[in-house]
Amino acid sequence: MEEKQTFKTFIVEDVKYKTYLTKKFINRKSFSIKNPKQITAFIPGGIKNIYVKKGKKVKAGERLLTLEAMKMYNKILSPIDGTIKNIHVKVGENVAKDQLLLEFR
């Protein structure tokens, strides 16, 4: 049995729009702002090198680790000045997309 759809109202630049929402839109993953103190894998791959240790102070742009993905070595650089709180991976470990790699304090 089909559900009866109802109009949804959106206001964009002071103009009111009425529309139906698709199932794809309703079931989408909602946007969330990434925490700058958490470094995650942007692509699946393997950890080749880790250049920092827990408790080390790093500056923005400093090399944190190397992620090998699709036969390329990707340097993961620090986006902020900070201190390493925790490292969640080891050299040789394979990681999934969006997996937490390390954290800052």
PDB file of N, CA and C in Angstrom:
ATOM      1  N   MET A   1       0.837  -1.177   0.000  1.00  0.00           N
ATOM      2  CA  MET A   1       0.000   0.000   0.000  1.00  0.00           C
ATOM      3  C   MET A   1       0.888   1.248   0.000  1.00  0.00           C
ATOM      4  N   GLU A   2       0.614   2.176  -0.864  1.00  0.00           N
ATOM      5  CA  GLU A   2       1.420   3.385  -0.991  1.00  0.00           C
ATOM      6  C   GLU A   2       1.061   4.397   0.083  1.00  0.00           C
ATOM      7  N   GLU A   3       2.112   5.099   0.550  1.00  0.00           N
ATOM      8  CA  GLU A   3       1.883   6.181   1.504  1.00  0.00           C
ATOM      9  C   GLU A   3       1.421   7.414   0.741  1.00  0.00           C
ATOM     10  N   LYS A   4       0.546   8.148   1.354  1.00  0.00           N
ATOM     11  CA  LYS A   4       0.094   9.386   0.728  1.00  0.00           C
ATOM     12  C   LYS A   4       1.133  10.463   1.006  1.00  0.00           C
ATOM     13  N   GLN A   5       1.649  11.083  -0.044  1.00  0.00           N
ATOM     14  CA  GLN A   5       2.650  12.135   0.120  1.00  0.00           C
ATOM     15  C   GLN A   5       1.973  13.453   0.425  1.00  0.00           C
ATOM     16  N   THR A   6       2.651  14.231   1.225  1.00  0.00           N
ATOM     17  CA  THR A   6       2.156  15.569   1.518  1.00  0.00           C
ATOM     18  C   THR A   6       3.211  16.572   1.074  1.00  0.00           C
ATOM     19  N   PHE A   7       2.762  17.770   0.780  1.00  0.00           N
ATOM     20  CA  PHE A   7       3.680  18.823   0.386  1.00  0.00           C
ATOM     21  C   PHE A   7       4.540  19.238   1.571  1.00  0.00           C
ATOM     22  N   LYS A   8       5.786  19.573   1.289  1.00  0.00           N
ATOM     23  CA  LYS A   8       6.693  20.163   2.265  1.00  0.00           C
ATOM     24  C   LYS A   8       6.982  21.578   1.808  1.00  0.00           C
ATOM     25  N   THR A   9       7.107  22.479   2.737  1.00  0.00           N
ATOM     26  CA  THR A   9       7.331  23.875   2.413  1.00  0.00           C
ATOM     27  C   THR A   9       8.769  24.267   2.752  1.00  0.00           C
ATOM     28  N   PHE A  10       9.422  24.929   1.810  1.00  0.00           N
ATOM     29  CA  PHE A  10      10.770  25.451   1.997  1.00  0.00           C
ATOM     30  C   PHE A  10      10.744  26.948   1.715  1.00  0.00           C
ATOM     31  N   ILE A  11      11.524  27.697   2.461  1.00  0.00           N
ATOM     32  CA  ILE A  11      11.648  29.128   2.202  1.00  0.00           C
ATOM     33  C   ILE A  11      13.097  29.392   1.809  1.00  0.00           C
ATOM     34  N   VAL A  12      13.276  29.914   0.599  1.00  0.00           N
ATOM     35  CA  VAL A  12      14.601  30.218   0.071  1.00  0.00           C
ATOM     36  C   VAL A  12      14.595  31.671  -0.365  1.00  0.00           C
ATOM     37  N   GLU A  13      15.445  32.479   0.237  1.00  0.00           N
ATOM     38  CA  GLU A  13      15.530  33.902  -0.074  1.00  0.00           C
ATOM     39  C   GLU A  13      14.158  34.565  -0.085  1.00  0.00           C
ATOM     40  N   ASP A  14      13.423  34.331   0.985  1.00  0.00           N
ATOM     41  CA  ASP A  14      12.093  34.926   1.207  1.00  0.00           C
ATOM     42  C   ASP A  14      11.031  34.491   0.205  1.00  0.00           C
ATOM     43  N   VAL A  15      11.271  33.422  -0.532  1.00  0.00           N
ATOM     44  CA  VAL A  15      10.270  32.877  -1.454  1.00  0.00           C
ATOM     45  C   VAL A  15       9.859  31.511  -0.921  1.00  0.00           C
ATOM     46  N   LYS A  16       8.559  31.283  -0.810  1.00  0.00           N
ATOM     47  CA  LYS A  16       8.039  30.033  -0.270  1.00  0.00           C
ATOM     48  C   LYS A  16       7.789  29.046  -1.410  1.00  0.00           C
ATOM     49  N   TYR A  17       8.331  27.822  -1.278  1.00  0.00           N
ATOM     50  CA  TYR A  17       8.157  26.764  -2.271  1.00  0.00           C
ATOM     51  C   TYR A  17       7.470  25.573  -1.606  1.00  0.00           C
ATOM     52  N   LYS A  18       6.550  24.939  -2.330  1.00  0.00           N
ATOM     53  CA  LYS A  18       5.922  23.709  -1.867  1.00  0.00           C
ATOM     54  C   LYS A  18       6.298  22.602  -2.837  1.00  0.00           C
ATOM     55  N   THR A  19       6.720  21.463  -2.288  1.00  0.00           N
ATOM     56  CA  THR A  19       7.157  20.361  -3.140  1.00  0.00           C
ATOM     57  C   THR A  19       6.992  19.034  -2.408  1.00  0.00           C
ATOM     58  N   TYR A  20       7.064  17.952  -3.163  1.00  0.00           N
ATOM     59  CA  TYR A  20       7.121  16.614  -2.587  1.00  0.00           C
ATOM     60  C   TYR A  20       8.585  16.247  -2.403  1.00  0.00           C
ATOM     61  N   LEU A  21       8.888  15.452  -1.387  1.00  0.00           N
ATOM     62  CA  LEU A  21      10.246  14.970  -1.170  1.00  0.00           C
ATOM     63  C   LEU A  21      10.356  13.534  -1.667  1.00  0.00           C
ATOM     64  N   THR A  22      11.455  13.229  -2.362  1.00  0.00           N
ATOM     65  CA  THR A  22      11.676  11.862  -2.843  1.00  0.00           C
ATOM     66  C   THR A  22      12.152  10.980  -1.694  1.00  0.00           C
ATOM     67  N   LYS A  23      11.999   9.667  -1.860  1.00  0.00           N
ATOM     68  CA  LYS A  23      12.495   8.727  -0.849  1.00  0.00           C
ATOM     69  C   LYS A  23      13.999   8.877  -0.673  1.00  0.00           C
ATOM     70  N   LYS A  24      14.694   9.081  -1.787  1.00  0.00           N
ATOM     71  CA  LYS A  24      16.150   9.250  -1.734  1.00  0.00           C
ATOM     72  C   LYS A  24      16.513  10.455  -0.862  1.00  0.00           C
ATOM     73  N   PHE A  25      15.788  11.553  -1.018  1.00  0.00           N
ATOM     74  CA  PHE A  25      16.048  12.755  -0.222  1.00  0.00           C
ATOM     75  C   PHE A  25      15.727  12.506   1.250  1.00  0.00           C
ATOM     76  N   ILE A  26      14.627  11.864   1.533  1.00  0.00           N
ATOM     77  CA  ILE A  26      14.221  11.594   2.915  1.00  0.00           C
ATOM     78  C   ILE A  26      15.218  10.672   3.613  1.00  0.00           C
ATOM     79  N   ASN A  27      15.759   9.680   2.893  1.00  0.00           N
ATOM     80  CA  ASN A  27      16.662   8.681   3.484  1.00  0.00           C
ATOM     81  C   ASN A  27      18.133   9.045   3.398  1.00  0.00           C
ATOM     82  N   ARG A  28      18.457  10.262   2.913  1.00  0.00           N
ATOM     83  CA  ARG A  28      19.852  10.650   2.746  1.00  0.00           C
ATOM     84  C   ARG A  28      20.561  10.750   4.092  1.00  0.00           C
ATOM     85  N   LYS A  29      21.870  10.628   4.052  1.00  0.00           N
ATOM     86  CA  LYS A  29      22.685  10.807   5.244  1.00  0.00           C
ATOM     87  C   LYS A  29      22.787  12.309   5.490  1.00  0.00           C
ATOM     88  N   SER A  30      22.451  12.728   6.686  1.00  0.00           N
ATOM     89  CA  SER A  30      22.460  14.159   6.958  1.00  0.00           C
ATOM     90  C   SER A  30      23.892  14.672   7.084  1.00  0.00           C
ATOM     91  N   PHE A  31      24.084  15.924   6.738  1.00  0.00           N
ATOM     92  CA  PHE A  31      25.393  16.557   6.778  1.00  0.00           C
ATOM     93  C   PHE A  31      25.800  16.803   8.220  1.00  0.00           C
ATOM     94  N   SER A  32      27.063  16.524   8.517  1.00  0.00           N
ATOM     95  CA  SER A  32      27.585  16.845   9.848  1.00  0.00           C
ATOM     96  C   SER A  32      28.955  17.490   9.670  1.00  0.00           C
ATOM     97  N   ILE A  33      29.207  18.491  10.467  1.00  0.00           N
ATOM     98  CA  ILE A  33      30.483  19.202  10.406  1.00  0.00           C
ATOM     99  C   ILE A  33      31.552  18.315  11.015  1.00  0.00           C
ATOM    100  N   LYS A  34      32.675  18.166  10.298  1.00  0.00           N
ATOM    101  CA  LYS A  34      33.759  17.327  10.790  1.00  0.00           C
ATOM    102  C   LYS A  34      34.498  18.022  11.922  1.00  0.00           C
ATOM    103  N   ASN A  35      34.909  17.231  12.883  1.00  0.00           N
ATOM    104  CA  ASN A  35      35.665  17.737  14.019  1.00  0.00           C
ATOM    105  C   ASN A  35      37.118  17.931  13.570  1.00  0.00           C
ATOM    106  N   PRO A  36      37.658  19.160  13.632  1.00  0.00           N
ATOM    107  CA  PRO A  36      39.035  19.381  13.174  1.00  0.00           C
ATOM    108  C   PRO A  36      40.074  18.697  14.059  1.00  0.00           C
ATOM    109  N   LYS A  37      39.663  18.218  15.221  1.00  0.00           N
ATOM    110  CA  LYS A  37      40.594  17.527  16.119  1.00  0.00           C
ATOM    111  C   LYS A  37      40.625  16.025  15.862  1.00  0.00           C
ATOM    112  N   GLN A  38      39.877  15.555  14.870  1.00  0.00           N
ATOM    113  CA  GLN A  38      39.884  14.141  14.507  1.00  0.00           C
ATOM    114  C   GLN A  38      40.293  14.003  13.048  1.00  0.00           C
ATOM    115  N   ILE A  39      41.332  13.215  12.800  1.00  0.00           N
ATOM    116  CA  ILE A  39      41.812  12.969  11.440  1.00  0.00           C
ATOM    117  C   ILE A  39      41.273  11.609  11.005  1.00  0.00           C
ATOM    118  N   THR A  40      40.536  11.611   9.873  1.00  0.00           N
ATOM    119  CA  THR A  40      39.965  10.368   9.361  1.00  0.00           C
ATOM    120  C   THR A  40      40.516  10.088   7.962  1.00  0.00           C
ATOM    121  N   ALA A  41      40.411   8.841   7.546  1.00  0.00           N
ATOM    122  CA  ALA A  41      40.869   8.444   6.212  1.00  0.00           C
ATOM    123  C   ALA A  41      39.884   8.965   5.169  1.00  0.00           C
ATOM    124  N   PHE A  42      40.382   9.671   4.164  1.00  0.00           N
ATOM    125  CA  PHE A  42      39.513  10.210   3.120  1.00  0.00           C
ATOM    126  C   PHE A  42      39.262   9.179   2.023  1.00  0.00           C
ATOM    127  N   ILE A  43      40.013   8.067   2.072  1.00  0.00           N
ATOM    128  CA  ILE A  43      39.908   7.005   1.075  1.00  0.00           C
ATOM    129  C   ILE A  43      40.395   5.718   1.743  1.00  0.00           C
ATOM    130  N   PRO A  44      39.887   4.539   1.367  1.00  0.00           N
ATOM    131  CA  PRO A  44      40.410   3.305   1.944  1.00  0.00           C
ATOM    132  C   PRO A  44      41.854   3.084   1.502  1.00  0.00           C
ATOM    133  N   GLY A  45      42.653   2.511   2.383  1.00  0.00           N
ATOM    134  CA  GLY A  45      44.048   2.261   2.031  1.00  0.00           C
ATOM    135  C   GLY A  45      44.809   1.632   3.174  1.00  0.00           C
ATOM    136  N   GLY A  46      46.128   1.695   3.074  1.00  0.00           N
ATOM    137  CA  GLY A  46      46.998   1.110   4.093  1.00  0.00           C
ATOM    138  C   GLY A  46      47.901   2.165   4.707  1.00  0.00           C
ATOM    139  N   ILE A  47      48.174   2.025   5.991  1.00  0.00           N
ATOM    140  CA  ILE A  47      49.060   2.951   6.694  1.00  0.00           C
ATOM    141  C   ILE A  47      50.499   2.520   6.427  1.00  0.00           C
ATOM    142  N   LYS A  48      51.303   3.405   5.818  1.00  0.00           N
ATOM    143  CA  LYS A  48      52.693   3.097   5.487  1.00  0.00           C
ATOM    144  C   LYS A  48      53.671   3.636   6.525  1.00  0.00           C
ATOM    145  N   ASN A  49      53.450   4.844   7.014  1.00  0.00           N
ATOM    146  CA  ASN A  49      54.331   5.448   8.014  1.00  0.00           C
ATOM    147  C   ASN A  49      53.515   6.288   8.967  1.00  0.00           C
ATOM    148  N   ILE A  50      53.973   6.331  10.217  1.00  0.00           N
ATOM    149  CA  ILE A  50      53.401   7.244  11.209  1.00  0.00           C
ATOM    150  C   ILE A  50      54.567   8.065  11.736  1.00  0.00           C
ATOM    151  N   TYR A  51      54.466   9.386  11.609  1.00  0.00           N
ATOM    152  CA  TYR A  51      55.573  10.278  11.936  1.00  0.00           C
ATOM    153  C   TYR A  51      55.441  10.944  13.301  1.00  0.00           C
ATOM    154  N   VAL A  52      54.350  10.691  14.010  1.00  0.00           N
ATOM    155  CA  VAL A  52      54.125  11.332  15.306  1.00  0.00           C
ATOM    156  C   VAL A  52      53.891  10.270  16.375  1.00  0.00           C
ATOM    157  N   LYS A  53      54.009  10.689  17.616  1.00  0.00           N
ATOM    158  CA  LYS A  53      53.733   9.822  18.759  1.00  0.00           C
ATOM    159  C   LYS A  53      52.722  10.524  19.649  1.00  0.00           C
ATOM    160  N   LYS A  54      52.061   9.747  20.494  1.00  0.00           N
ATOM    161  CA  LYS A  54      51.105  10.293  21.445  1.00  0.00           C
ATOM    162  C   LYS A  54      51.812  11.325  22.321  1.00  0.00           C
ATOM    163  N   GLY A  55      51.192  12.499  22.479  1.00  0.00           N
ATOM    164  CA  GLY A  55      51.751  13.560  23.308  1.00  0.00           C
ATOM    165  C   GLY A  55      52.640  14.547  22.568  1.00  0.00           C
ATOM    166  N   LYS A  56      52.958  14.266  21.289  1.00  0.00           N
ATOM    167  CA  LYS A  56      53.827  15.160  20.523  1.00  0.00           C
ATOM    168  C   LYS A  56      53.066  16.412  20.105  1.00  0.00           C
ATOM    169  N   LYS A  57      53.721  17.560  20.219  1.00  0.00           N
ATOM    170  CA  LYS A  57      53.141  18.816  19.743  1.00  0.00           C
ATOM    171  C   LYS A  57      53.488  18.968  18.271  1.00  0.00           C
ATOM    172  N   VAL A  58      52.480  19.310  17.477  1.00  0.00           N
ATOM    173  CA  VAL A  58      52.679  19.490  16.035  1.00  0.00           C
ATOM    174  C   VAL A  58      52.131  20.842  15.601  1.00  0.00           C
ATOM    175  N   LYS A  59      52.656  21.338  14.501  1.00  0.00           N
ATOM    176  CA  LYS A  59      52.190  22.597  13.909  1.00  0.00           C
ATOM    177  C   LYS A  59      51.356  22.278  12.670  1.00  0.00           C
ATOM    178  N   ALA A  60      50.481  23.194  12.293  1.00  0.00           N
ATOM    179  CA  ALA A  60      49.681  23.018  11.086  1.00  0.00           C
ATOM    180  C   ALA A  60      50.608  22.820   9.889  1.00  0.00           C
ATOM    181  N   GLY A  61      50.301  21.834   9.052  1.00  0.00           N
ATOM    182  CA  GLY A  61      51.111  21.540   7.878  1.00  0.00           C
ATOM    183  C   GLY A  61      52.181  20.484   8.118  1.00  0.00           C
ATOM    184  N   GLU A  62      52.404  20.103   9.363  1.00  0.00           N
ATOM    185  CA  GLU A  62      53.406  19.079   9.679  1.00  0.00           C
ATOM    186  C   GLU A  62      52.872  17.700   9.289  1.00  0.00           C
ATOM    187  N   ARG A  63      53.762  16.842   8.813  1.00  0.00           N
ATOM    188  CA  ARG A  63      53.383  15.508   8.351  1.00  0.00           C
ATOM    189  C   ARG A  63      53.012  14.617   9.542  1.00  0.00           C
ATOM    190  N   LEU A  64      51.840  13.971   9.448  1.00  0.00           N
ATOM    191  CA  LEU A  64      51.373  13.081  10.510  1.00  0.00           C
ATOM    192  C   LEU A  64      51.578  11.611  10.152  1.00  0.00           C
ATOM    193  N   LEU A  65      51.139  11.236   8.946  1.00  0.00           N
ATOM    194  CA  LEU A  65      51.281   9.841   8.515  1.00  0.00           C
ATOM    195  C   LEU A  65      51.164   9.759   7.004  1.00  0.00           C
ATOM    196  N   THR A  66      51.486   8.571   6.473  1.00  0.00           N
ATOM    197  CA  THR A  66      51.370   8.314   5.036  1.00  0.00           C
ATOM    198  C   THR A  66      50.335   7.218   4.839  1.00  0.00           C
ATOM    199  N   LEU A  67      49.369   7.494   3.962  1.00  0.00           N
ATOM    200  CA  LEU A  67      48.309   6.558   3.635  1.00  0.00           C
ATOM    201  C   LEU A  67      48.482   6.138   2.176  1.00  0.00           C
ATOM    202  N   GLU A  68      48.718   4.852   1.940  1.00  0.00           N
ATOM    203  CA  GLU A  68      48.829   4.356   0.572  1.00  0.00           C
ATOM    204  C   GLU A  68      47.447   3.952   0.092  1.00  0.00           C
ATOM    205  N   ALA A  69      47.041   4.533  -1.033  1.00  0.00           N
ATOM    206  CA  ALA A  69      45.739   4.218  -1.617  1.00  0.00           C
ATOM    207  C   ALA A  69      45.861   4.317  -3.129  1.00  0.00           C
ATOM    208  N   MET A  70      45.361   3.310  -3.814  1.00  0.00           N
ATOM    209  CA  MET A  70      45.368   3.283  -5.278  1.00  0.00           C
ATOM    210  C   MET A  70      46.779   3.491  -5.834  1.00  0.00           C
ATOM    211  N   LYS A  71      47.760   2.845  -5.234  1.00  0.00           N
ATOM    212  CA  LYS A  71      49.177   2.882  -5.648  1.00  0.00           C
ATOM    213  C   LYS A  71      49.798   4.272  -5.512  1.00  0.00           C
ATOM    214  N   MET A  72      49.195   5.116  -4.685  1.00  0.00           N
ATOM    215  CA  MET A  72      49.757   6.445  -4.434  1.00  0.00           C
ATOM    216  C   MET A  72      49.982   6.605  -2.940  1.00  0.00           C
ATOM    217  N   TYR A  73      51.048   7.314  -2.601  1.00  0.00           N
ATOM    218  CA  TYR A  73      51.348   7.601  -1.203  1.00  0.00           C
ATOM    219  C   TYR A  73      50.829   8.993  -0.885  1.00  0.00           C
ATOM    220  N   ASN A  74      49.847   9.062   0.010  1.00  0.00           N
ATOM    221  CA  ASN A  74      49.209  10.324   0.375  1.00  0.00           C
ATOM    222  C   ASN A  74      49.739  10.792   1.724  1.00  0.00           C
ATOM    223  N   LYS A  75      50.349  11.977   1.750  1.00  0.00           N
ATOM    224  CA  LYS A  75      50.835  12.550   3.002  1.00  0.00           C
ATOM    225  C   LYS A  75      49.657  13.180   3.720  1.00  0.00           C
ATOM    226  N   ILE A  76      49.399  12.753   4.930  1.00  0.00           N
ATOM    227  CA  ILE A  76      48.352  13.350   5.743  1.00  0.00           C
ATOM    228  C   ILE A  76      49.026  14.391   6.636  1.00  0.00           C
ATOM    229  N   LEU A  77      48.651  15.654   6.443  1.00  0.00           N
ATOM    230  CA  LEU A  77      49.263  16.767   7.159  1.00  0.00           C
ATOM    231  C   LEU A  77      48.327  17.278   8.247  1.00  0.00           C
ATOM    232  N   SER A  78      48.896  17.849   9.273  1.00  0.00           N
ATOM    233  CA  SER A  78      48.114  18.391  10.373  1.00  0.00           C
ATOM    234  C   SER A  78      47.353  19.641   9.913  1.00  0.00           C
ATOM    235  N   PRO A  79      46.036  19.677  10.140  1.00  0.00           N
ATOM    236  CA  PRO A  79      45.270  20.858   9.758  1.00  0.00           C
ATOM    237  C   PRO A  79      45.361  21.986  10.793  1.00  0.00           C
ATOM    238  N   ILE A  80      45.833  21.645  12.000  1.00  0.00           N
ATOM    239  CA  ILE A  80      45.873  22.616  13.096  1.00  0.00           C
ATOM    240  C   ILE A  80      47.149  22.453  13.912  1.00  0.00           C
ATOM    241  N   ASP A  81      47.465  23.475  14.710  1.00  0.00           N
ATOM    242  CA  ASP A  81      48.496  23.346  15.735  1.00  0.00           C
ATOM    243  C   ASP A  81      47.859  22.602  16.897  1.00  0.00           C
ATOM    244  N   GLY A  82      48.573  21.643  17.480  1.00  0.00           N
ATOM    245  CA  GLY A  82      48.000  20.921  18.613  1.00  0.00           C
ATOM    246  C   GLY A  82      48.909  19.827  19.114  1.00  0.00           C
ATOM    247  N   THR A  83      48.374  19.057  20.050  1.00  0.00           N
ATOM    248  CA  THR A  83      49.086  17.945  20.663  1.00  0.00           C
ATOM    249  C   THR A  83      48.334  16.664  20.333  1.00  0.00           C
ATOM    250  N   ILE A  84      49.073  15.618  19.970  1.00  0.00           N
ATOM    251  CA  ILE A  84      48.459  14.335  19.617  1.00  0.00           C
ATOM    252  C   ILE A  84      47.892  13.692  20.881  1.00  0.00           C
ATOM    253  N   LYS A  85      46.598  13.429  20.872  1.00  0.00           N
ATOM    254  CA  LYS A  85      45.923  12.808  22.015  1.00  0.00           C
ATOM    255  C   LYS A  85      45.983  11.289  21.924  1.00  0.00           C
ATOM    256  N   ASN A  86      45.707  10.771  20.724  1.00  0.00           N
ATOM    257  CA  ASN A  86      45.650   9.323  20.546  1.00  0.00           C
ATOM    258  C   ASN A  86      45.876   8.961  19.090  1.00  0.00           C
ATOM    259  N   ILE A  87      46.555   7.836  18.862  1.00  0.00           N
ATOM    260  CA  ILE A  87      46.760   7.304  17.516  1.00  0.00           C
ATOM    261  C   ILE A  87      46.001   5.981  17.454  1.00  0.00           C
ATOM    262  N   HIS A  88      45.079   5.859  16.519  1.00  0.00           N
ATOM    263  CA  HIS A  88      44.177   4.713  16.455  1.00  0.00           C
ATOM    264  C   HIS A  88      44.587   3.662  15.425  1.00  0.00           C
ATOM    265  N   VAL A  89      45.720   3.843  14.749  1.00  0.00           N
ATOM    266  CA  VAL A  89      46.150   2.893  13.712  1.00  0.00           C
ATOM    267  C   VAL A  89      47.611   2.513  13.943  1.00  0.00           C
ATOM    268  N   LYS A  90      48.026   1.477  13.240  1.00  0.00           N
ATOM    269  CA  LYS A  90      49.421   1.012  13.280  1.00  0.00           C
ATOM    270  C   LYS A  90      49.937   0.897  11.854  1.00  0.00           C
ATOM    271  N   VAL A  91      51.253   0.958  11.695  1.00  0.00           N
ATOM    272  CA  VAL A  91      51.869   0.783  10.379  1.00  0.00           C
ATOM    273  C   VAL A  91      51.495  -0.604   9.848  1.00  0.00           C
ATOM    274  N   GLY A  92      51.085  -0.656   8.574  1.00  0.00           N
ATOM    275  CA  GLY A  92      50.695  -1.914   7.940  1.00  0.00           C
ATOM    276  C   GLY A  92      49.209  -2.201   8.017  1.00  0.00           C
ATOM    277  N   GLU A  93      48.498  -1.456   8.825  1.00  0.00           N
ATOM    278  CA  GLU A  93      47.061  -1.671   8.985  1.00  0.00           C
ATOM    279  C   GLU A  93      46.298  -1.103   7.783  1.00  0.00           C
ATOM    280  N   ASN A  94      45.270  -1.831   7.352  1.00  0.00           N
ATOM    281  CA  ASN A  94      44.375  -1.339   6.303  1.00  0.00           C
ATOM    282  C   ASN A  94      43.217  -0.606   6.970  1.00  0.00           C
ATOM    283  N   VAL A  95      42.835   0.528   6.388  1.00  0.00           N
ATOM    284  CA  VAL A  95      41.772   1.342   6.967  1.00  0.00           C
ATOM    285  C   VAL A  95      40.657   1.559   5.943  1.00  0.00           C
ATOM    286  N   ALA A  96      39.461   1.790   6.462  1.00  0.00           N
ATOM    287  CA  ALA A  96      38.296   2.068   5.625  1.00  0.00           C
ATOM    288  C   ALA A  96      38.122   3.577   5.489  1.00  0.00           C
ATOM    289  N   LYS A  97      37.349   3.975   4.502  1.00  0.00           N
ATOM    290  CA  LYS A  97      37.037   5.395   4.325  1.00  0.00           C
ATOM    291  C   LYS A  97      36.352   5.906   5.594  1.00  0.00           C
ATOM    292  N   ASP A  98      36.724   7.102   6.021  1.00  0.00           N
ATOM    293  CA  ASP A  98      36.178   7.782   7.199  1.00  0.00           C
ATOM    294  C   ASP A  98      36.552   7.123   8.526  1.00  0.00           C
ATOM    295  N   GLN A  99      37.472   6.157   8.525  1.00  0.00           N
ATOM    296  CA  GLN A  99      37.927   5.553   9.774  1.00  0.00           C
ATOM    297  C   GLN A  99      38.803   6.559  10.520  1.00  0.00           C
ATOM    298  N   LEU A 100      38.631   6.636  11.845  1.00  0.00           N
ATOM    299  CA  LEU A 100      39.412   7.536  12.669  1.00  0.00           C
ATOM    300  C   LEU A 100      40.868   7.073  12.724  1.00  0.00           C
ATOM    301  N   LEU A 101      41.794   7.957  12.364  1.00  0.00           N
ATOM    302  CA  LEU A 101      43.222   7.636  12.356  1.00  0.00           C
ATOM    303  C   LEU A 101      43.917   8.151  13.605  1.00  0.00           C
ATOM    304  N   LEU A 102      43.708   9.439  13.919  1.00  0.00           N
ATOM    305  CA  LEU A 102      44.292  10.002  15.136  1.00  0.00           C
ATOM    306  C   LEU A 102      43.493  11.190  15.605  1.00  0.00           C
ATOM    307  N   GLU A 103      43.754  11.576  16.873  1.00  0.00           N
ATOM    308  CA  GLU A 103      43.023  12.680  17.502  1.00  0.00           C
ATOM    309  C   GLU A 103      43.989  13.668  18.115  1.00  0.00           C
ATOM    310  N   PHE A 104      43.547  14.920  18.170  1.00  0.00           N
ATOM    311  CA  PHE A 104      44.267  15.973  18.872  1.00  0.00           C
ATOM    312  C   PHE A 104      43.585  16.264  20.206  1.00  0.00           C
ATOM    313  N   ARG A 105      44.333  16.851  21.135  1.00  0.00           N
ATOM    314  CA  ARG A 105      43.743  17.303  22.401  1.00  0.00           C
ATOM    315  C   ARG A 105      42.970  18.555  22.198  1.00  0.00           C
TER     316      ARG A 105
END
